[in-house]
C-alpha atoms as a PDB file:
ATOM      1  CA  THR A   1     -97.811 -77.585  30.241  1.00  0.00           C
ATOM      2  CA  THR A   2     -93.870 -77.525  30.161  1.00  0.00           C
ATOM      3  CA  ARG A   3     -91.570 -79.803  28.228  1.00  0.00           C
ATOM      4  CA  ASN A   4     -87.974 -79.320  29.661  1.00  0.00           C
ATOM      5  CA  TYR A   5     -84.750 -80.571  27.621  1.00  0.00           C
ATOM      6  CA  GLU A   6     -81.381 -80.195  29.514  1.00  0.00           C
ATOM      7  CA  LEU A   7     -77.770 -81.078  28.768  1.00  0.00           C
ATOM      8  CA  GLY A   8     -75.255 -80.856  31.370  1.00  0.00           C
ATOM      9  CA  LEU A   9     -71.438 -81.521  32.123  1.00  0.00           C
ATOM     10  CA  LYS A  10     -69.999 -81.638  35.625  1.00  0.00           C
ATOM     11  CA  GLY A  11     -66.387 -82.365  36.554  1.00  0.00           C
ATOM     12  CA  ASN A  12     -63.081 -81.832  38.559  1.00  0.00           C
ATOM     13  CA  ALA A  13     -59.761 -81.206  37.298  1.00  0.00           C
ATOM     14  CA  LEU A  14     -56.556 -80.979  38.852  1.00  0.00           C
ATOM     15  CA  GLY A  15     -56.985 -83.316  41.709  1.00  0.00           C
ATOM     16  CA  GLY A  16     -60.306 -81.114  42.687  1.00  0.00           C
ATOM     17  CA  LEU A  17     -58.711 -77.878  42.500  1.00  0.00           C
ATOM     18  CA  LEU A  18     -60.721 -76.897  39.605  1.00  0.00           C
ATOM     19  CA  SER A  19     -64.678 -77.723  39.001  1.00  0.00           C
ATOM     20  CA  LEU A  20     -66.976 -76.847  36.487  1.00  0.00           C
ATOM     21  CA  ASP A  21     -70.656 -77.185  36.186  1.00  0.00           C
ATOM     22  CA  LEU A  22     -72.190 -76.424  32.559  1.00  0.00           C
ATOM     23  CA  ALA A  23     -75.994 -76.607  31.633  1.00  0.00           C
ATOM     24  CA  VAL A  24     -77.850 -75.844  28.359  1.00  0.00           C
ATOM     25  CA  TYR A  25     -81.559 -75.902  28.355  1.00  0.00           C
ATOM     26  CA  PHE A  26     -84.607 -75.409  26.377  1.00  0.00           C
ATOM     27  CA  ILE A  27     -88.152 -75.020  27.712  1.00  0.00           C
ATOM     28  CA  THR A  28     -91.599 -74.900  25.897  1.00  0.00           C
ATOM     29  CA  TRP A  29     -94.776 -73.843  27.943  1.00  0.00           C
ATOM     30  CA  ASP A  30     -98.407 -74.272  26.335  1.00  0.00           C
ATOM     31  CA  ASN A  31    -101.509 -72.584  28.027  1.00  0.00           C
ATOM     32  CA  ILE A  32     -99.676 -69.906  30.120  1.00  0.00           C
ATOM     33  CA  GLN A  33    -101.953 -68.757  32.910  1.00  0.00           C
ATOM     34  CA  ILE A  34    -102.359 -64.815  33.146  1.00  0.00           C
ATOM     35  CA  PRO A  35    -104.865 -62.910  34.970  1.00  0.00           C
ATOM     36  CA  ASN A  36    -107.575 -61.658  32.639  1.00  0.00           C
ATOM     37  CA  LEU A  37    -110.653 -59.270  32.847  1.00  0.00           C
ATOM     38  CA  LEU A  38    -114.047 -59.196  31.593  1.00  0.00           C
ATOM     39  CA  VAL A  39    -116.164 -56.072  31.384  1.00  0.00           C
ATOM     40  CA  PRO A  40    -119.745 -56.730  30.846  1.00  0.00           C
ATOM     41  CA  PRO A  41    -121.877 -53.505  30.977  1.00  0.00           C
ATOM     42  CA  ASP A  42    -122.509 -53.316  34.376  1.00  0.00           C
ATOM     43  CA  PHE A  43    -119.532 -55.083  36.235  1.00  0.00           C
ATOM     44  CA  LEU A  44    -115.894 -56.290  36.094  1.00  0.00           C
ATOM     45  CA  PHE A  45    -115.098 -59.813  36.274  1.00  0.00           C
ATOM     46  CA  PHE A  46    -111.566 -60.956  37.030  1.00  0.00           C
ATOM     47  CA  TYR A  47    -110.454 -64.468  36.249  1.00  0.00           C
ATOM     48  CA  THR A  48    -107.544 -66.574  35.267  1.00  0.00           C
ATOM     49  CA  ASP A  49    -107.167 -67.654  31.789  1.00  0.00           C
ATOM     50  CA  ASN A  50    -104.826 -70.184  29.957  1.00  0.00           C
ATOM     51  CA  VAL A  51    -103.620 -68.441  26.844  1.00  0.00           C
ATOM     52  CA  SER A  52    -100.486 -68.219  24.821  1.00  0.00           C
ATOM     53  CA  GLU A  53     -97.280 -70.285  24.434  1.00  0.00           C
ATOM     54  CA  ALA A  54     -93.617 -69.301  25.361  1.00  0.00           C
ATOM     55  CA  GLU A  55     -90.215 -70.742  25.222  1.00  0.00           C
ATOM     56  CA  SER A  56     -86.988 -70.321  27.350  1.00  0.00           C
ATOM     57  CA  SER A  57     -83.663 -71.231  26.373  1.00  0.00           C
ATOM     58  CA  GLY A  58     -80.342 -70.486  27.838  1.00  0.00           C
ATOM     59  CA  VAL A  59     -76.830 -71.434  29.453  1.00  0.00           C
ATOM     60  CA  GLU A  60     -75.583 -71.714  33.024  1.00  0.00           C
ATOM     61  CA  ALA A  61     -72.180 -72.092  33.874  1.00  0.00           C
ATOM     62  CA  THR A  62     -70.297 -72.429  37.566  1.00  0.00           C
ATOM     63  CA  PHE A  63     -66.545 -72.366  37.744  1.00  0.00           C
ATOM     64  CA  GLU A  64     -64.896 -72.945  41.322  1.00  0.00           C
ATOM     65  CA  LEU A  65     -61.257 -72.836  41.989  1.00  0.00           C
ATOM     66  CA  ARG A  66     -59.827 -74.344  45.422  1.00  0.00           C
ATOM     67  CA  PRO A  67     -56.087 -72.849  44.992  1.00  0.00           C
ATOM     68  CA  ARG A  68     -55.246 -73.844  48.575  1.00  0.00           C
ATOM     69  CA  ARG A  69     -56.678 -75.666  51.721  1.00  0.00           C
ATOM     70  CA  GLY A  70     -59.906 -73.665  52.999  1.00  0.00           C
ATOM     71  CA  LEU A  71     -60.031 -71.216  50.206  1.00  0.00           C
ATOM     72  CA  ARG A  72     -62.763 -71.619  47.650  1.00  0.00           C
ATOM     73  CA  LEU A  73     -63.417 -68.915  44.682  1.00  0.00           C
ATOM     74  CA  TRP A  74     -66.264 -69.384  42.424  1.00  0.00           C
ATOM     75  CA  LEU A  75     -67.768 -67.383  39.550  1.00  0.00           C
ATOM     76  CA  ALA A  76     -71.387 -68.367  38.443  1.00  0.00           C
ATOM     77  CA  GLY A  77     -73.312 -67.006  35.341  1.00  0.00           C
ATOM     78  CA  ALA A  78     -76.466 -67.497  33.195  1.00  0.00           C
ATOM     79  CA  TYR A  79     -77.934 -66.305  29.972  1.00  0.00           C
ATOM     80  CA  ASN A  80     -81.680 -66.733  29.651  1.00  0.00           C
ATOM     81  CA  ASP A  81     -83.903 -65.906  26.664  1.00  0.00           C
ATOM     82  CA  ALA A  82     -87.549 -66.261  27.827  1.00  0.00           C
ATOM     83  CA  HIS A  83     -90.179 -64.834  25.452  1.00  0.00           C
ATOM     84  CA  LEU A  84     -93.686 -65.571  24.021  1.00  0.00           C
ATOM     85  CA  THR A  85     -93.827 -67.716  20.937  1.00  0.00           C
ATOM     86  CA  ALA A  86     -97.633 -66.677  20.425  1.00  0.00           C
ATOM     87  CA  ALA A  87     -99.454 -63.464  21.164  1.00  0.00           C
ATOM     88  CA  PHE A  88    -102.302 -63.508  23.726  1.00  0.00           C
ATOM     89  CA  PRO A  89    -105.409 -63.976  22.184  1.00  0.00           C
ATOM     90  CA  SER A  90    -107.398 -60.590  21.023  1.00  0.00           C
ATOM     91  CA  MET A  91    -110.223 -61.119  23.758  1.00  0.00           C
ATOM     92  CA  ALA A  92    -107.517 -60.908  26.540  1.00  0.00           C
ATOM     93  CA  SER A  93    -107.657 -57.737  28.570  1.00  0.00           C
ATOM     94  CA  ILE A  94    -103.691 -57.691  28.603  1.00  0.00           C
ATOM     95  CA  PRO A  95    -101.889 -57.193  25.085  1.00  0.00           C
ATOM     96  CA  ALA A  96     -98.688 -59.070  24.449  1.00  0.00           C
ATOM     97  CA  GLY A  97     -97.277 -60.222  21.293  1.00  0.00           C
ATOM     98  CA  SER A  98     -94.944 -63.120  20.076  1.00  0.00           C
ATOM     99  CA  GLY A  99     -91.560 -62.293  21.133  1.00  0.00           C
ATOM    100  CA  ASP A 100     -92.472 -60.271  24.208  1.00  0.00           C
ATOM    101  CA  ARG A 101     -90.205 -61.229  26.964  1.00  0.00           C
ATOM    102  CA  LEU A 102     -91.464 -62.967  29.758  1.00  0.00           C
ATOM    103  CA  PRO A 103     -91.864 -60.923  33.069  1.00  0.00           C
ATOM    104  CA  TYR A 104     -89.350 -61.269  35.773  1.00  0.00           C
ATOM    105  CA  SER A 105     -86.440 -63.009  33.758  1.00  0.00           C
ATOM    106  CA  PRO A 106     -83.169 -61.498  33.015  1.00  0.00           C
ATOM    107  CA  ARG A 107     -81.154 -62.058  30.050  1.00  0.00           C
ATOM    108  CA  TRP A 108     -78.031 -62.073  32.161  1.00  0.00           C
ATOM    109  CA  SER A 109     -77.299 -62.978  35.886  1.00  0.00           C
ATOM    110  CA  GLY A 110     -74.497 -64.248  37.884  1.00  0.00           C
ATOM    111  CA  ASN A 111     -72.260 -64.014  40.861  1.00  0.00           C
ATOM    112  CA  VAL A 112     -68.586 -64.225  42.116  1.00  0.00           C
ATOM    113  CA  GLY A 113     -67.357 -64.888  45.619  1.00  0.00           C
ATOM    114  CA  PHE A 114     -65.156 -66.446  48.169  1.00  0.00           C
ATOM    115  CA  ASP A 115     -65.133 -68.469  51.181  1.00  0.00           C
ATOM    116  CA  TRP A 116     -62.102 -68.798  53.169  1.00  0.00           C
ATOM    117  CA  GLU A 117     -61.696 -71.090  56.526  1.00  0.00           C
ATOM    118  CA  TYR A 118     -58.592 -70.743  58.713  1.00  0.00           C
ATOM    119  CA  PRO A 119     -57.820 -72.841  61.834  1.00  0.00           C
ATOM    120  CA  VAL A 120     -57.335 -70.629  64.855  1.00  0.00           C
ATOM    121  CA  GLY A 121     -56.798 -73.290  67.302  1.00  0.00           C
ATOM    122  CA  PRO A 122     -57.214 -77.153  68.001  1.00  0.00           C
ATOM    123  CA  ASP A 123     -60.820 -76.891  67.925  1.00  0.00           C
ATOM    124  CA  ALA A 124     -61.606 -73.411  66.333  1.00  0.00           C
ATOM    125  CA  THR A 125     -61.797 -72.461  62.652  1.00  0.00           C
ATOM    126  CA  LEU A 126     -62.511 -68.796  61.626  1.00  0.00           C
ATOM    127  CA  SER A 127     -64.350 -68.306  58.419  1.00  0.00           C
ATOM    128  CA  ILE A 128     -64.886 -65.262  56.195  1.00  0.00           C
ATOM    129  CA  GLY A 129     -66.595 -64.793  52.827  1.00  0.00           C
ATOM    130  CA  GLY A 130     -68.215 -62.434  50.250  1.00  0.00           C
ATOM    131  CA  THR A 131     -70.246 -62.634  47.355  1.00  0.00           C
ATOM    132  CA  VAL A 132     -71.227 -60.085  44.545  1.00  0.00           C
ATOM    133  CA  THR A 133     -74.483 -61.139  42.568  1.00  0.00           C
ATOM    134  CA  HIS A 134     -75.903 -59.177  39.533  1.00  0.00           C
ATOM    135  CA  VAL A 135     -79.295 -59.442  38.147  1.00  0.00           C
ATOM    136  CA  GLY A 136     -79.961 -57.868  34.771  1.00  0.00           C
ATOM    137  CA  ASP A 137     -82.905 -55.883  33.544  1.00  0.00           C
ATOM    138  CA  ARG A 138     -86.171 -57.281  33.413  1.00  0.00           C
ATOM    139  CA  ILE A 139     -89.991 -56.345  32.901  1.00  0.00           C
ATOM    140  CA  ALA A 140     -92.764 -56.400  35.117  1.00  0.00           C
ATOM    141  CA  ASN A 141     -95.971 -58.143  34.692  1.00  0.00           C
ATOM    142  CA  PHE A 142     -97.745 -57.903  31.388  1.00  0.00           C
ATOM    143  CA  SER A 143     -99.896 -54.688  31.863  1.00  0.00           C
ATOM    144  CA  ALA A 144    -103.523 -53.779  30.237  1.00  0.00           C
ATOM    145  CA  VAL A 145    -102.897 -50.059  30.899  1.00  0.00           C
ATOM    146  CA  SER A 146     -99.548 -49.582  28.752  1.00  0.00           C
ATOM    147  CA  SER A 147     -96.361 -51.446  27.815  1.00  0.00           C
ATOM    148  CA  ALA A 148     -94.871 -53.518  30.691  1.00  0.00           C
ATOM    149  CA  GLN A 149     -92.641 -51.735  33.435  1.00  0.00           C
ATOM    150  CA  ASP A 150     -88.847 -51.872  32.993  1.00  0.00           C
ATOM    151  CA  LEU A 151     -87.066 -53.446  36.148  1.00  0.00           C
ATOM    152  CA  PRO A 152     -83.476 -52.036  36.128  1.00  0.00           C
ATOM    153  CA  ALA A 153     -80.383 -54.304  36.820  1.00  0.00           C
ATOM    154  CA  TYR A 154     -79.036 -54.415  40.323  1.00  0.00           C
ATOM    155  CA  ASN A 155     -75.860 -55.579  42.070  1.00  0.00           C
ATOM    156  CA  GLN A 156     -75.963 -56.828  45.540  1.00  0.00           C
ATOM    157  CA  PHE A 157     -72.973 -57.234  47.755  1.00  0.00           C
ATOM    158  CA  ASP A 158     -73.058 -59.557  50.854  1.00  0.00           C
ATOM    159  CA  ALA A 159     -70.274 -60.484  53.435  1.00  0.00           C
ATOM    160  CA  ARG A 160     -70.181 -62.942  56.253  1.00  0.00           C
ATOM    161  CA  ALA A 161     -67.766 -64.080  58.999  1.00  0.00           C
ATOM    162  CA  GLY A 162     -67.938 -66.854  61.501  1.00  0.00           C
ATOM    163  CA  LEU A 163     -66.228 -68.805  64.238  1.00  0.00           C
ATOM    164  CA  ALA A 164     -66.584 -72.711  64.375  1.00  0.00           C
ATOM    165  CA  LEU A 165     -65.505 -74.038  68.020  1.00  0.00           C
ATOM    166  CA  ASN A 166     -66.096 -77.873  68.660  1.00  0.00           C
ATOM    167  CA  ASP A 167     -69.838 -78.500  68.042  1.00  0.00           C
ATOM    168  CA  TRP A 168     -70.930 -74.939  67.974  1.00  0.00           C
ATOM    169  CA  SER A 169     -70.811 -72.328  65.094  1.00  0.00           C
ATOM    170  CA  PHE A 170     -71.243 -68.385  65.471  1.00  0.00           C
ATOM    171  CA  THR A 171     -72.086 -66.681  62.220  1.00  0.00           C
ATOM    172  CA  ALA A 172     -72.395 -62.822  61.245  1.00  0.00           C
ATOM    173  CA  PHE A 173     -73.430 -61.657  57.865  1.00  0.00           C
ATOM    174  CA  ILE A 174     -74.588 -58.520  56.256  1.00  0.00           C
ATOM    175  CA  ASN A 175     -76.301 -58.642  53.136  1.00  0.00           C
ATOM    176  CA  ASN A 176     -77.060 -56.009  50.431  1.00  0.00           C
ATOM    177  CA  ILE A 177     -74.203 -53.823  52.022  1.00  0.00           C
ATOM    178  CA  GLY A 178     -74.734 -51.066  49.370  1.00  0.00           C
ATOM    179  CA  ASP A 179     -78.427 -51.062  50.164  1.00  0.00           C
ATOM    180  CA  GLU A 180     -79.082 -51.299  46.553  1.00  0.00           C
ATOM    181  CA  ARG A 181     -82.845 -51.320  45.892  1.00  0.00           C
ATOM    182  CA  GLY A 182     -83.278 -53.969  43.428  1.00  0.00           C
ATOM    183  CA  VAL A 183     -86.851 -54.159  42.298  1.00  0.00           C
ATOM    184  CA  LEU A 184     -88.094 -57.755  42.809  1.00  0.00           C
END
């Protein structure tokens, strides 16, 4: 069960030249599902159990600027604090305590990018764009054998270019230009 509380603000300024999207949130989780293991004398039994509680709180913001026709610049970021608020029960095969971070939840993430469109004829428009994305460090799943594996932060660079001609559009893109090996 989750209970979600969110407060947001969206707006434009300077005749649409600048826009802002801002949100703060707080989420409580009850009875989180985790994989569990029962070890009677002669066999292993795997099952899913509803245990523990957690909360997640944070802020997300996106700023967009359109300084001239056809050009869009943006910056987006998020801070997230997601952690257990109650330890797993002692009978759980996976140990985790109150305050432990939730798996795969970076504290910091964000991206910055641009898109530019330029008319190159009466019915043709050229477009180019690029994005840099950052995902902060995280932990992997809770583990029964040791502390959770640390997943390092990573950055990804993407580029795109296209041509729109009448009712047709052609786009080429390269994702992850630096071949960054972010663990997902």
